[in-house]
Amino acid sequence: MDFKKINIKKVKKISYWVALGFLLVVLIFVLFPLLPIDNNYSLKM
């Protein structure tokens, strides 16, 4: 039982971090094309 609980916790943590990373990547891909329009000057600097 202990090993199963530990494995489930590890899998849940890993899947949670993978989901967070995937969401961050999606947000970056969605926002990056929009950012240069607003922050053209800051990117050139």
N, C-alpha and C. Protein backbone atom coordinates (compact mmCIF):
# COMPACT_ATOMS: atom_id res chain seq x y z
N MET A 1 0.83 -1.21 0.00
CA MET A 1 0.00 0.00 0.00
C MET A 1 0.87 1.26 0.00
N ASP A 2 1.93 1.24 0.82
CA ASP A 2 2.78 2.42 0.90
C ASP A 2 3.43 2.73 -0.45
N PHE A 3 3.96 1.69 -1.10
CA PHE A 3 4.61 1.90 -2.39
C PHE A 3 3.61 2.44 -3.41
N LYS A 4 2.41 1.90 -3.40
CA LYS A 4 1.40 2.36 -4.36
C LYS A 4 1.05 3.83 -4.11
N LYS A 5 0.90 4.19 -2.83
CA LYS A 5 0.58 5.59 -2.50
C LYS A 5 1.70 6.52 -2.96
N ILE A 6 2.96 6.11 -2.70
CA ILE A 6 4.10 6.94 -3.10
C ILE A 6 4.13 7.09 -4.62
N ASN A 7 3.91 5.99 -5.34
CA ASN A 7 3.94 6.05 -6.80
C ASN A 7 2.83 6.96 -7.33
N ILE A 8 1.64 6.85 -6.74
CA ILE A 8 0.52 7.70 -7.19
C ILE A 8 0.85 9.17 -6.94
N LYS A 9 1.44 9.46 -5.76
CA LYS A 9 1.80 10.85 -5.46
C LYS A 9 2.83 11.36 -6.46
N LYS A 10 3.84 10.54 -6.76
CA LYS A 10 4.88 10.95 -7.71
C LYS A 10 4.27 11.19 -9.09
N VAL A 11 3.41 10.28 -9.52
CA VAL A 11 2.79 10.41 -10.85
C VAL A 11 1.93 11.66 -10.89
N LYS A 12 1.18 11.91 -9.80
CA LYS A 12 0.34 13.11 -9.77
C LYS A 12 1.19 14.37 -9.85
N LYS A 13 2.30 14.40 -9.08
CA LYS A 13 3.19 15.57 -9.11
C LYS A 13 3.77 15.76 -10.51
N ILE A 14 4.25 14.66 -11.11
CA ILE A 14 4.87 14.75 -12.44
C ILE A 14 3.84 15.23 -13.47
N SER A 15 2.64 14.64 -13.43
CA SER A 15 1.60 15.03 -14.39
C SER A 15 1.21 16.49 -14.17
N TYR A 16 1.18 16.92 -12.90
CA TYR A 16 0.84 18.32 -12.58
C TYR A 16 1.89 19.26 -13.17
N TRP A 17 3.17 18.93 -12.99
CA TRP A 17 4.24 19.78 -13.52
C TRP A 17 4.24 19.77 -15.05
N VAL A 18 3.96 18.60 -15.65
CA VAL A 18 3.90 18.52 -17.12
C VAL A 18 2.76 19.39 -17.63
N ALA A 19 1.62 19.35 -16.95
CA ALA A 19 0.48 20.18 -17.36
C ALA A 19 0.83 21.66 -17.23
N LEU A 20 1.49 22.03 -16.13
CA LEU A 20 1.88 23.43 -15.94
C LEU A 20 2.86 23.86 -17.03
N GLY A 21 3.85 23.02 -17.31
CA GLY A 21 4.82 23.35 -18.35
C GLY A 21 4.16 23.50 -19.71
N PHE A 22 3.21 22.60 -20.01
CA PHE A 22 2.50 22.67 -21.29
C PHE A 22 1.70 23.96 -21.38
N LEU A 23 1.02 24.34 -20.29
CA LEU A 23 0.25 25.58 -20.28
C LEU A 23 1.17 26.78 -20.46
N LEU A 24 2.33 26.77 -19.80
CA LEU A 24 3.27 27.87 -19.95
C LEU A 24 3.77 27.99 -21.39
N VAL A 25 4.08 26.85 -22.01
CA VAL A 25 4.55 26.86 -23.40
C VAL A 25 3.45 27.41 -24.31
N VAL A 26 2.22 26.98 -24.09
CA VAL A 26 1.10 27.47 -24.91
C VAL A 26 0.94 28.97 -24.73
N LEU A 27 1.01 29.44 -23.48
CA LEU A 27 0.87 30.88 -23.22
C LEU A 27 1.99 31.65 -23.90
N ILE A 28 3.23 31.13 -23.84
CA ILE A 28 4.36 31.81 -24.47
C ILE A 28 4.15 31.89 -25.98
N PHE A 29 3.73 30.76 -26.59
CA PHE A 29 3.52 30.75 -28.04
C PHE A 29 2.38 31.69 -28.44
N VAL A 30 1.36 31.81 -27.57
CA VAL A 30 0.22 32.69 -27.89
C VAL A 30 0.61 34.15 -27.70
N LEU A 31 1.38 34.45 -26.63
CA LEU A 31 1.66 35.84 -26.28
C LEU A 31 2.85 36.41 -27.04
N PHE A 32 3.84 35.59 -27.39
CA PHE A 32 5.06 36.12 -28.02
C PHE A 32 4.78 36.87 -29.32
N PRO A 33 3.90 36.39 -30.22
CA PRO A 33 3.59 37.18 -31.42
C PRO A 33 2.95 38.52 -31.09
N LEU A 34 2.27 38.63 -29.94
CA LEU A 34 1.60 39.88 -29.58
C LEU A 34 2.55 40.85 -28.88
N LEU A 35 3.58 40.31 -28.19
CA LEU A 35 4.46 41.16 -27.39
C LEU A 35 5.25 42.17 -28.23
N PRO A 36 5.87 41.77 -29.37
CA PRO A 36 6.68 42.74 -30.13
C PRO A 36 5.89 43.96 -30.57
N ILE A 37 4.58 43.82 -30.79
CA ILE A 37 3.76 44.95 -31.22
C ILE A 37 3.75 46.03 -30.13
N ASP A 38 3.63 45.60 -28.85
CA ASP A 38 3.58 46.55 -27.75
C ASP A 38 4.98 46.96 -27.29
N ASN A 39 5.92 46.01 -27.30
CA ASN A 39 7.24 46.24 -26.71
C ASN A 39 8.34 46.28 -27.78
N ASN A 40 8.07 46.90 -28.93
CA ASN A 40 9.07 46.99 -29.98
C ASN A 40 10.29 47.76 -29.50
N TYR A 41 10.07 48.89 -28.83
CA TYR A 41 11.17 49.74 -28.41
C TYR A 41 12.02 49.04 -27.35
N SER A 42 11.38 48.37 -26.39
CA SER A 42 12.13 47.71 -25.32
C SER A 42 12.95 46.55 -25.90
N LEU A 43 12.43 45.84 -26.92
CA LEU A 43 13.18 44.75 -27.53
C LEU A 43 14.38 45.29 -28.30
N LYS A 44 14.22 46.44 -28.97
CA LYS A 44 15.35 47.02 -29.71
C LYS A 44 16.42 47.53 -28.75
N MET A 45 16.01 48.06 -27.61
CA MET A 45 16.96 48.55 -26.62
C MET A 45 17.71 47.34 -26.05
